[in-house]
Structures are given as structure tokens and as C-alpha cells.
Amino acid sequence: MPSRKSSPAARQLAEQSRESRYDRRLGEILAHATEVFYNKGYEGASMRDLSRVSGMSLAGLYYYFESKEKLLYLIQKHTFSTITDQLQARLRQVSDPEQRVRVFIHNHLEYFLANLKAMKVLSHEDEALAGPLGTDIAGMKRDYYRLILGLVEDLKREQGKAFNGEISTRVAVLSLFGMMNWIYTWHNPKRDPGPEEVSEQMADVFLRGLMGSGTSAPARAKAASTATASHPKTGRFGDSEGGEAGKPGSVGSAARRRQRSAASNI
């Protein structure tokens, strides 16, 4: 008997089924990889560790990923893609500039609190990716940063003189990321509120600084004078040209590393 050829619709359905199984298995492996990187760190983890945790053979893992670096890349790409897609859908429903900033903060924190292990991996392994993979993730981060920068600029134009013009929007946005990205270090579900309330409170802190009068100029001058008197060589904490704070591993340099990490993990 002549063989019966499958119809185009049947072939398309079979292909979609294979893709669905592949995507599902890929998602499971990424979840296991996140767990391994969370517990051992990127440098300390190996493909054999992932093989044991996932129950897959090494050959099976290499079918999906050619390297440990590709795994970390896909974890980061999935994170930024998911956050951004959810955000864009929510922003399409809101037109008020202040509410759009609040939507951004809520979207960010909601995902962070629901995926704390992935966020820790994202924050701690920020500089592990190099070459084209690192460049791709860096581009996604820049787009995300520019998105919230644009939202704050829109708010600035809408508020006019009510907006605190003494505050740089760049400084404001990077400070916001510093607040949001380190939430995994202190948030305790047993004593701290959930994402809805946390995001409202954090948005209030951020927006009141932008739209409030802030500290008066005389008060700032007095604070600067006090700091200079306490640290006559520099006037700033942790920036001494020849002191201990400038050495690697010191409190000052460690703080700067944390600040750079917080700023880049967006």
C-alpha cells in the first residue's frame, strides 16, 4: 500500500508539540541551573553538578547547552525578557506619568520577590559573561535602564516646577535600582509586606524625593562642612587618595563595588 502523507496541518501540530516539549524541558533545566548557581556560585558550579540535580546525563545537557556560560546567559536573558514583556503590557494600560513610574517599580519588585534565587544569581554573577553573550545582556540592561529614565523624564516634564530640579534624573534612576535590586538581601516574608505594599512604599520614598522640596541649601552646606571637618583630606567617606579606604578590600572600595553591581544589575 502507498504510504499516507501527513497533511500540512498535522505536520505543523507535530512540530509545535516538539517545540513545546523542548521549551518545557529547557525551562526545567534553567530552574535547576539557577538552584545550582545559587548554592555554589557560577565559578564553583559544574555541568556535572547540574547533571546530578536535573537527573539528565551530561550528553543530554550538552544537547541543550554547549557550555555553563550559555546556561547563565539564558537565565539572565529569560529574566530580562520576562520582566520587560510584563512591564510593556502593564504600561500600555496607564497614561499618567507618576503612575507609570509606580507600575515600573511594582513590576520590578513583584518579579524579584517571586524569583529571589534567580535575582541573587543575576546580581552576584553580573560580570561572569563575556564576548557576544555578555554584550547581548548588557544591551538588554541598557534598554531597561533607558526605559525607566524615559519614564522619569516624562514625569519631570509633566510636573514642571514641582519636580526637584536639583536632582539629576540619572542619579535618581540609579539610586532607585540600588533600592530595588538589593531587596533579596533583607526581605523577610514573615515580617515584611508583600510586593504590592513594598512597591508602594518604595515608590513613595522615590517620588517624594523627586517631587518634594528636599533638603534646603543651607542644610546641605552645613552637612558638607561637617563632613569636610571630619575628613579634611577628602570631604567624602571612602575616597581618601592615600588612606586605608582607597585600598582594595577596604570598606570604601567594597562599597564602591556594591554600588557598581547595584547599578549594573538592572
C-alpha atoms as a PDB file:
ATOM      1  CA  MET A   1       0.000   0.000   0.000  1.00  0.00           C
ATOM      2  CA  PRO A   2       1.262   3.526  -0.704  1.00  0.00           C
ATOM      3  CA  SER A   3       2.317   5.442   2.386  1.00  0.00           C
ATOM      4  CA  ARG A   4      -0.067   8.101   3.538  1.00  0.00           C
ATOM      5  CA  LYS A   5       1.456  11.557   3.693  1.00  0.00           C
ATOM      6  CA  SER A   6       0.549  13.709   6.641  1.00  0.00           C
ATOM      7  CA  SER A   7      -1.244  16.945   5.924  1.00  0.00           C
ATOM      8  CA  PRO A   8       0.494  20.323   6.438  1.00  0.00           C
ATOM      9  CA  ALA A   9      -1.755  20.971   9.436  1.00  0.00           C
ATOM     10  CA  ALA A  10      -0.732  17.661  11.042  1.00  0.00           C
ATOM     11  CA  ARG A  11       2.956  18.347  10.430  1.00  0.00           C
ATOM     12  CA  GLN A  12       2.598  21.827  11.948  1.00  0.00           C
ATOM     13  CA  LEU A  13       0.848  20.382  15.007  1.00  0.00           C
ATOM     14  CA  ALA A  14       3.595  17.787  15.474  1.00  0.00           C
ATOM     15  CA  GLU A  15       6.262  20.462  15.171  1.00  0.00           C
ATOM     16  CA  GLN A  16       4.519  22.654  17.742  1.00  0.00           C
ATOM     17  CA  SER A  17       4.278  19.677  20.093  1.00  0.00           C
ATOM     18  CA  ARG A  18       8.024  19.031  19.777  1.00  0.00           C
ATOM     19  CA  GLU A  19       8.787  22.707  20.390  1.00  0.00           C
ATOM     20  CA  SER A  20       6.504  22.722  23.417  1.00  0.00           C
ATOM     21  CA  ARG A  21       8.284  19.703  24.925  1.00  0.00           C
ATOM     22  CA  TYR A  22      11.676  21.283  24.192  1.00  0.00           C
ATOM     23  CA  ASP A  23      10.696  24.611  25.770  1.00  0.00           C
ATOM     24  CA  ARG A  24       9.238  22.871  28.812  1.00  0.00           C
ATOM     25  CA  ARG A  25      12.364  20.797  29.336  1.00  0.00           C
ATOM     26  CA  LEU A  26      14.548  23.832  28.739  1.00  0.00           C
ATOM     27  CA  GLY A  27      12.654  25.724  31.432  1.00  0.00           C
ATOM     28  CA  GLU A  28      13.136  22.856  33.874  1.00  0.00           C
ATOM     29  CA  ILE A  29      16.886  22.772  33.216  1.00  0.00           C
ATOM     30  CA  LEU A  30      17.175  26.554  33.706  1.00  0.00           C
ATOM     31  CA  ALA A  31      15.372  26.236  37.030  1.00  0.00           C
ATOM     32  CA  HIS A  32      17.832  23.521  38.130  1.00  0.00           C
ATOM     33  CA  ALA A  33      20.764  25.628  36.910  1.00  0.00           C
ATOM     34  CA  THR A  34      19.526  28.604  38.906  1.00  0.00           C
ATOM     35  CA  GLU A  35      19.417  26.412  42.012  1.00  0.00           C
ATOM     36  CA  VAL A  36      22.966  25.146  41.417  1.00  0.00           C
ATOM     37  CA  PHE A  37      24.386  28.625  40.740  1.00  0.00           C
ATOM     38  CA  TYR A  38      22.541  29.962  43.795  1.00  0.00           C
ATOM     39  CA  ASN A  39      24.054  27.310  46.087  1.00  0.00           C
ATOM     40  CA  LYS A  40      27.563  27.014  44.620  1.00  0.00           C
ATOM     41  CA  GLY A  41      28.137  30.209  42.690  1.00  0.00           C
ATOM     42  CA  TYR A  42      28.860  30.308  38.976  1.00  0.00           C
ATOM     43  CA  GLU A  43      32.585  29.588  39.322  1.00  0.00           C
ATOM     44  CA  GLY A  44      32.036  26.773  41.814  1.00  0.00           C
ATOM     45  CA  ALA A  45      29.322  25.011  39.814  1.00  0.00           C
ATOM     46  CA  SER A  46      29.924  22.470  37.065  1.00  0.00           C
ATOM     47  CA  MET A  47      27.902  20.753  34.381  1.00  0.00           C
ATOM     48  CA  ARG A  48      28.255  17.548  36.414  1.00  0.00           C
ATOM     49  CA  ASP A  49      26.562  19.285  39.353  1.00  0.00           C
ATOM     50  CA  LEU A  50      23.692  20.243  37.094  1.00  0.00           C
ATOM     51  CA  SER A  51      23.544  16.703  35.698  1.00  0.00           C
ATOM     52  CA  ARG A  52      23.113  15.304  39.210  1.00  0.00           C
ATOM     53  CA  VAL A  53      20.468  17.845  40.214  1.00  0.00           C
ATOM     54  CA  SER A  54      18.457  17.629  36.988  1.00  0.00           C
ATOM     55  CA  GLY A  55      18.735  13.863  36.569  1.00  0.00           C
ATOM     56  CA  MET A  56      19.965  14.304  32.999  1.00  0.00           C
ATOM     57  CA  SER A  57      23.093  12.803  31.524  1.00  0.00           C
ATOM     58  CA  LEU A  58      25.956  15.093  30.559  1.00  0.00           C
ATOM     59  CA  ALA A  59      25.297  14.223  26.926  1.00  0.00           C
ATOM     60  CA  GLY A  60      21.673  15.231  27.379  1.00  0.00           C
ATOM     61  CA  LEU A  61      22.678  18.553  28.916  1.00  0.00           C
ATOM     62  CA  TYR A  62      25.096  19.332  26.105  1.00  0.00           C
ATOM     63  CA  TYR A  63      22.244  18.744  23.676  1.00  0.00           C
ATOM     64  CA  TYR A  64      20.593  21.846  25.134  1.00  0.00           C
ATOM     65  CA  PHE A  65      23.682  23.865  26.094  1.00  0.00           C
ATOM     66  CA  GLU A  66      27.225  23.835  24.820  1.00  0.00           C
ATOM     67  CA  SER A  67      28.637  25.462  27.957  1.00  0.00           C
ATOM     68  CA  LYS A  68      27.969  26.611  31.501  1.00  0.00           C
ATOM     69  CA  GLU A  69      28.277  30.192  30.248  1.00  0.00           C
ATOM     70  CA  LYS A  70      25.364  29.637  27.854  1.00  0.00           C
ATOM     71  CA  LEU A  71      23.253  28.498  30.801  1.00  0.00           C
ATOM     72  CA  LEU A  72      23.968  31.688  32.742  1.00  0.00           C
ATOM     73  CA  TYR A  73      23.246  33.726  29.628  1.00  0.00           C
ATOM     74  CA  LEU A  74      19.852  32.089  29.153  1.00  0.00           C
ATOM     75  CA  ILE A  75      18.942  32.593  32.818  1.00  0.00           C
ATOM     76  CA  GLN A  76      19.715  36.307  32.518  1.00  0.00           C
ATOM     77  CA  LYS A  77      18.032  36.659  29.131  1.00  0.00           C
ATOM     78  CA  HIS A  78      14.891  34.928  30.384  1.00  0.00           C
ATOM     79  CA  THR A  79      14.812  37.216  33.421  1.00  0.00           C
ATOM     80  CA  PHE A  80      15.103  40.467  31.481  1.00  0.00           C
ATOM     81  CA  SER A  81      12.752  39.333  28.724  1.00  0.00           C
ATOM     82  CA  THR A  82      10.063  38.306  31.214  1.00  0.00           C
ATOM     83  CA  ILE A  83      10.314  41.499  33.271  1.00  0.00           C
ATOM     84  CA  THR A  84      10.284  43.710  30.177  1.00  0.00           C
ATOM     85  CA  ASP A  85       7.378  41.908  28.460  1.00  0.00           C
ATOM     86  CA  GLN A  86       5.240  42.119  31.610  1.00  0.00           C
ATOM     87  CA  LEU A  87       6.146  45.770  32.061  1.00  0.00           C
ATOM     88  CA  GLN A  88       5.278  46.792  28.499  1.00  0.00           C
ATOM     89  CA  ALA A  89       1.868  45.116  28.790  1.00  0.00           C
ATOM     90  CA  ARG A  90       1.143  46.990  32.024  1.00  0.00           C
ATOM     91  CA  LEU A  91       2.397  50.337  30.769  1.00  0.00           C
ATOM     92  CA  ARG A  92       0.026  50.178  27.791  1.00  0.00           C
ATOM     93  CA  GLN A  93      -2.853  50.419  30.269  1.00  0.00           C
ATOM     94  CA  VAL A  94      -1.579  53.536  32.082  1.00  0.00           C
ATOM     95  CA  SER A  95      -1.033  57.079  30.798  1.00  0.00           C
ATOM     96  CA  ASP A  96      -0.379  59.149  33.950  1.00  0.00           C
ATOM     97  CA  PRO A  97       3.418  59.748  34.274  1.00  0.00           C
ATOM     98  CA  GLU A  98       3.544  59.187  38.031  1.00  0.00           C
ATOM     99  CA  GLN A  99       1.501  56.004  37.818  1.00  0.00           C
ATOM    100  CA  ARG A 100       3.753  54.721  35.036  1.00  0.00           C
ATOM    101  CA  VAL A 101       6.770  55.092  37.320  1.00  0.00           C
ATOM    102  CA  ARG A 102       4.854  53.258  40.035  1.00  0.00           C
ATOM    103  CA  VAL A 103       3.989  50.483  37.575  1.00  0.00           C
ATOM    104  CA  PHE A 104       7.681  50.084  36.754  1.00  0.00           C
ATOM    105  CA  ILE A 105       8.632  49.790  40.434  1.00  0.00           C
ATOM    106  CA  HIS A 106       5.830  47.334  41.189  1.00  0.00           C
ATOM    107  CA  ASN A 107       6.632  45.174  38.159  1.00  0.00           C
ATOM    108  CA  HIS A 108      10.311  45.020  39.084  1.00  0.00           C
ATOM    109  CA  LEU A 109       9.778  44.167  42.756  1.00  0.00           C
ATOM    110  CA  GLU A 110       6.991  41.705  42.078  1.00  0.00           C
ATOM    111  CA  TYR A 111       9.291  39.651  39.856  1.00  0.00           C
ATOM    112  CA  PHE A 112      12.251  39.967  42.241  1.00  0.00           C
ATOM    113  CA  LEU A 113      10.299  38.747  45.257  1.00  0.00           C
ATOM    114  CA  ALA A 114       8.827  35.838  43.311  1.00  0.00           C
ATOM    115  CA  ASN A 115      12.251  34.803  41.953  1.00  0.00           C
ATOM    116  CA  LEU A 116      14.718  35.612  44.725  1.00  0.00           C
ATOM    117  CA  LYS A 117      17.208  32.861  43.833  1.00  0.00           C
ATOM    118  CA  ALA A 118      17.363  33.925  40.204  1.00  0.00           C
ATOM    119  CA  MET A 119      17.823  37.523  41.321  1.00  0.00           C
ATOM    120  CA  LYS A 120      20.717  36.588  43.578  1.00  0.00           C
ATOM    121  CA  VAL A 121      22.367  34.752  40.684  1.00  0.00           C
ATOM    122  CA  LEU A 122      21.760  37.770  38.469  1.00  0.00           C
ATOM    123  CA  SER A 123      23.292  40.165  40.998  1.00  0.00           C
ATOM    124  CA  HIS A 124      26.299  38.080  42.028  1.00  0.00           C
ATOM    125  CA  GLU A 125      27.259  36.797  38.577  1.00  0.00           C
ATOM    126  CA  ASP A 126      26.885  40.102  36.782  1.00  0.00           C
ATOM    127  CA  GLU A 127      30.397  40.149  35.295  1.00  0.00           C
ATOM    128  CA  ALA A 128      30.738  36.428  34.504  1.00  0.00           C
ATOM    129  CA  LEU A 129      29.540  36.730  30.903  1.00  0.00           C
ATOM    130  CA  ALA A 130      31.986  37.917  28.255  1.00  0.00           C
ATOM    131  CA  GLY A 131      32.082  38.253  24.473  1.00  0.00           C
ATOM    132  CA  PRO A 132      28.867  38.298  22.412  1.00  0.00           C
ATOM    133  CA  LEU A 133      26.769  36.790  25.224  1.00  0.00           C
ATOM    134  CA  GLY A 134      27.843  39.488  27.663  1.00  0.00           C
ATOM    135  CA  THR A 135      27.294  42.167  25.027  1.00  0.00           C
ATOM    136  CA  ASP A 136      23.750  40.949  24.392  1.00  0.00           C
ATOM    137  CA  ILE A 137      22.819  41.030  28.093  1.00  0.00           C
ATOM    138  CA  ALA A 138      24.478  44.441  28.508  1.00  0.00           C
ATOM    139  CA  GLY A 139      22.282  45.745  25.678  1.00  0.00           C
ATOM    140  CA  MET A 140      19.138  44.438  27.387  1.00  0.00           C
ATOM    141  CA  LYS A 141      20.192  46.156  30.620  1.00  0.00           C
ATOM    142  CA  ARG A 142      20.781  49.451  28.821  1.00  0.00           C
ATOM    143  CA  ASP A 143      17.338  49.269  27.216  1.00  0.00           C
ATOM    144  CA  TYR A 144      15.755  48.599  30.603  1.00  0.00           C
ATOM    145  CA  TYR A 145      17.638  51.495  32.186  1.00  0.00           C
ATOM    146  CA  ARG A 146      16.662  53.831  29.354  1.00  0.00           C
ATOM    147  CA  LEU A 147      13.029  52.810  29.741  1.00  0.00           C
ATOM    148  CA  ILE A 148      12.765  53.967  33.364  1.00  0.00           C
ATOM    149  CA  LEU A 149      14.939  57.002  32.601  1.00  0.00           C
ATOM    150  CA  GLY A 150      12.386  57.986  29.960  1.00  0.00           C
ATOM    151  CA  LEU A 151       9.517  57.491  32.415  1.00  0.00           C
ATOM    152  CA  VAL A 152      11.197  59.779  34.952  1.00  0.00           C
ATOM    153  CA  GLU A 153      11.917  62.378  32.255  1.00  0.00           C
ATOM    154  CA  ASP A 154       8.218  62.278  31.292  1.00  0.00           C
ATOM    155  CA  LEU A 155       7.300  62.833  34.939  1.00  0.00           C
ATOM    156  CA  LYS A 156       9.756  65.734  35.136  1.00  0.00           C
ATOM    157  CA  ARG A 157       8.144  67.441  32.136  1.00  0.00           C
ATOM    158  CA  GLU A 158       4.645  66.845  33.466  1.00  0.00           C
ATOM    159  CA  GLN A 159       5.436  68.150  36.956  1.00  0.00           C
ATOM    160  CA  GLY A 160       7.290  71.254  35.824  1.00  0.00           C
ATOM    161  CA  LYS A 161       8.439  73.339  38.791  1.00  0.00           C
ATOM    162  CA  ALA A 162       7.015  70.804  41.250  1.00  0.00           C
ATOM    163  CA  PHE A 163       9.817  68.429  40.210  1.00  0.00           C
ATOM    164  CA  ASN A 164      13.004  68.778  42.240  1.00  0.00           C
ATOM    165  CA  GLY A 165      15.253  70.166  39.519  1.00  0.00           C
ATOM    166  CA  GLU A 166      18.359  69.869  41.680  1.00  0.00           C
ATOM    167  CA  ILE A 167      18.266  66.079  41.348  1.00  0.00           C
ATOM    168  CA  SER A 168      19.770  64.511  38.223  1.00  0.00           C
ATOM    169  CA  THR A 169      17.424  62.006  36.618  1.00  0.00           C
ATOM    170  CA  ARG A 170      20.396  59.669  36.092  1.00  0.00           C
ATOM    171  CA  VAL A 171      21.295  59.803  39.781  1.00  0.00           C
ATOM    172  CA  ALA A 172      17.637  59.314  40.689  1.00  0.00           C
ATOM    173  CA  VAL A 173      17.204  56.265  38.438  1.00  0.00           C
ATOM    174  CA  LEU A 174      20.429  54.556  39.527  1.00  0.00           C
ATOM    175  CA  SER A 175      19.511  55.211  43.165  1.00  0.00           C
ATOM    176  CA  LEU A 176      16.145  53.579  42.510  1.00  0.00           C
ATOM    177  CA  PHE A 177      17.846  50.477  41.124  1.00  0.00           C
ATOM    178  CA  GLY A 178      20.075  50.439  44.181  1.00  0.00           C
ATOM    179  CA  MET A 179      16.984  50.307  46.389  1.00  0.00           C
ATOM    180  CA  MET A 180      15.180  47.683  44.353  1.00  0.00           C
ATOM    181  CA  ASN A 181      17.980  45.300  43.418  1.00  0.00           C
ATOM    182  CA  TRP A 182      19.171  44.640  46.946  1.00  0.00           C
ATOM    183  CA  ILE A 183      15.773  43.672  48.309  1.00  0.00           C
ATOM    184  CA  TYR A 184      16.741  39.988  48.205  1.00  0.00           C
ATOM    185  CA  THR A 185      19.319  40.676  50.977  1.00  0.00           C
ATOM    186  CA  TRP A 186      16.787  41.834  53.545  1.00  0.00           C
ATOM    187  CA  HIS A 187      13.202  40.993  52.600  1.00  0.00           C
ATOM    188  CA  ASN A 188      11.629  38.516  55.015  1.00  0.00           C
ATOM    189  CA  PRO A 189       8.131  37.325  54.020  1.00  0.00           C
ATOM    190  CA  LYS A 190       7.347  36.592  57.673  1.00  0.00           C
ATOM    191  CA  ARG A 191       7.771  40.187  58.791  1.00  0.00           C
ATOM    192  CA  ASP A 192       7.888  42.386  55.677  1.00  0.00           C
ATOM    193  CA  PRO A 193       4.908  43.242  53.459  1.00  0.00           C
ATOM    194  CA  GLY A 194       4.323  41.668  50.072  1.00  0.00           C
ATOM    195  CA  PRO A 195       5.268  43.134  46.694  1.00  0.00           C
ATOM    196  CA  GLU A 196       2.185  45.355  46.410  1.00  0.00           C
ATOM    197  CA  GLU A 197       2.807  47.224  49.665  1.00  0.00           C
ATOM    198  CA  VAL A 198       6.608  47.170  49.397  1.00  0.00           C
ATOM    199  CA  SER A 199       6.456  48.693  45.924  1.00  0.00           C
ATOM    200  CA  GLU A 200       4.044  51.399  47.090  1.00  0.00           C
ATOM    201  CA  GLN A 201       6.305  52.329  49.995  1.00  0.00           C
ATOM    202  CA  MET A 202       9.448  52.310  47.865  1.00  0.00           C
ATOM    203  CA  ALA A 203       7.696  54.360  45.179  1.00  0.00           C
ATOM    204  CA  ASP A 204       6.660  56.876  47.845  1.00  0.00           C
ATOM    205  CA  VAL A 205      10.263  57.192  49.042  1.00  0.00           C
ATOM    206  CA  PHE A 206      11.487  57.677  45.487  1.00  0.00           C
ATOM    207  CA  LEU A 207       8.773  60.027  44.241  1.00  0.00           C
ATOM    208  CA  ARG A 208       8.691  62.232  47.332  1.00  0.00           C
ATOM    209  CA  GLY A 209      12.383  62.824  46.849  1.00  0.00           C
ATOM    210  CA  LEU A 210      11.792  63.845  43.228  1.00  0.00           C
ATOM    211  CA  MET A 211       8.687  65.941  43.779  1.00  0.00           C
ATOM    212  CA  GLY A 212       9.340  67.210  47.302  1.00  0.00           C
ATOM    213  CA  SER A 213      11.332  70.268  48.222  1.00  0.00           C
ATOM    214  CA  GLY A 214      14.183  68.136  49.542  1.00  0.00           C
ATOM    215  CA  THR A 215      16.818  69.444  51.935  1.00  0.00           C
ATOM    216  CA  SER A 216      17.400  73.175  51.932  1.00  0.00           C
ATOM    217  CA  ALA A 217      20.624  74.566  50.508  1.00  0.00           C
ATOM    218  CA  PRO A 218      21.851  75.854  53.928  1.00  0.00           C
ATOM    219  CA  ALA A 219      21.269  72.410  55.441  1.00  0.00           C
ATOM    220  CA  ARG A 220      23.230  70.746  52.636  1.00  0.00           C
ATOM    221  CA  ALA A 221      26.063  73.248  53.030  1.00  0.00           C
ATOM    222  CA  LYS A 222      26.201  72.591  56.776  1.00  0.00           C
ATOM    223  CA  ALA A 223      26.275  68.810  56.175  1.00  0.00           C
ATOM    224  CA  ALA A 224      29.091  69.189  53.645  1.00  0.00           C
ATOM    225  CA  SER A 225      31.032  71.401  56.059  1.00  0.00           C
ATOM    226  CA  THR A 226      30.651  68.829  58.828  1.00  0.00           C
ATOM    227  CA  ALA A 227      31.873  66.041  56.552  1.00  0.00           C
ATOM    228  CA  THR A 228      34.884  68.096  55.469  1.00  0.00           C
ATOM    229  CA  ALA A 229      35.756  68.862  59.065  1.00  0.00           C
ATOM    230  CA  SER A 230      35.601  65.168  59.940  1.00  0.00           C
ATOM    231  CA  HIS A 231      37.635  64.131  56.857  1.00  0.00           C
ATOM    232  CA  PRO A 232      39.777  67.151  55.905  1.00  0.00           C
ATOM    233  CA  LYS A 233      41.726  65.356  53.165  1.00  0.00           C
ATOM    234  CA  THR A 234      38.733  64.401  51.080  1.00  0.00           C
ATOM    235  CA  GLY A 235      35.412  65.649  52.427  1.00  0.00           C
ATOM    236  CA  ARG A 236      33.892  62.277  51.426  1.00  0.00           C
ATOM    237  CA  PHE A 237      33.736  58.878  53.044  1.00  0.00           C
ATOM    238  CA  GLY A 238      35.845  56.140  51.434  1.00  0.00           C
ATOM    239  CA  ASP A 239      37.635  58.295  48.834  1.00  0.00           C
ATOM    240  CA  SER A 240      40.945  59.048  50.516  1.00  0.00           C
ATOM    241  CA  GLU A 241      43.765  59.181  47.996  1.00  0.00           C
ATOM    242  CA  GLY A 242      46.326  57.712  50.361  1.00  0.00           C
ATOM    243  CA  GLY A 243      44.285  56.289  53.233  1.00  0.00           C
ATOM    244  CA  GLU A 244      43.009  52.826  54.021  1.00  0.00           C
ATOM    245  CA  ALA A 245      39.653  53.483  52.375  1.00  0.00           C
ATOM    246  CA  GLY A 246      41.288  53.587  48.954  1.00  0.00           C
ATOM    247  CA  LYS A 247      42.845  50.138  49.219  1.00  0.00           C
ATOM    248  CA  PRO A 248      41.300  47.051  47.618  1.00  0.00           C
ATOM    249  CA  GLY A 249      39.245  45.101  50.108  1.00  0.00           C
ATOM    250  CA  SER A 250      38.681  48.134  52.332  1.00  0.00           C
ATOM    251  CA  VAL A 251      35.258  49.357  53.365  1.00  0.00           C
ATOM    252  CA  GLY A 252      35.383  52.194  50.853  1.00  0.00           C
ATOM    253  CA  SER A 253      36.347  50.090  47.834  1.00  0.00           C
ATOM    254  CA  ALA A 254      33.942  47.317  48.819  1.00  0.00           C
ATOM    255  CA  ALA A 255      31.131  49.855  48.997  1.00  0.00           C
ATOM    256  CA  ARG A 256      32.002  51.131  45.554  1.00  0.00           C
ATOM    257  CA  ARG A 257      31.951  47.586  44.166  1.00  0.00           C
ATOM    258  CA  ARG A 258      28.498  47.036  45.638  1.00  0.00           C
ATOM    259  CA  GLN A 259      27.319  50.339  44.170  1.00  0.00           C
ATOM    260  CA  ARG A 260      28.625  49.385  40.721  1.00  0.00           C
ATOM    261  CA  SER A 261      26.962  45.993  40.964  1.00  0.00           C
ATOM    262  CA  ALA A 262      23.656  47.508  42.043  1.00  0.00           C
ATOM    263  CA  ALA A 263      23.784  49.973  39.180  1.00  0.00           C
ATOM    264  CA  SER A 264      24.559  47.342  36.542  1.00  0.00           C
ATOM    265  CA  ASN A 265      22.065  44.676  37.660  1.00  0.00           C
ATOM    266  CA  ILE A 266      19.024  46.349  36.246  1.00  0.00           C
END
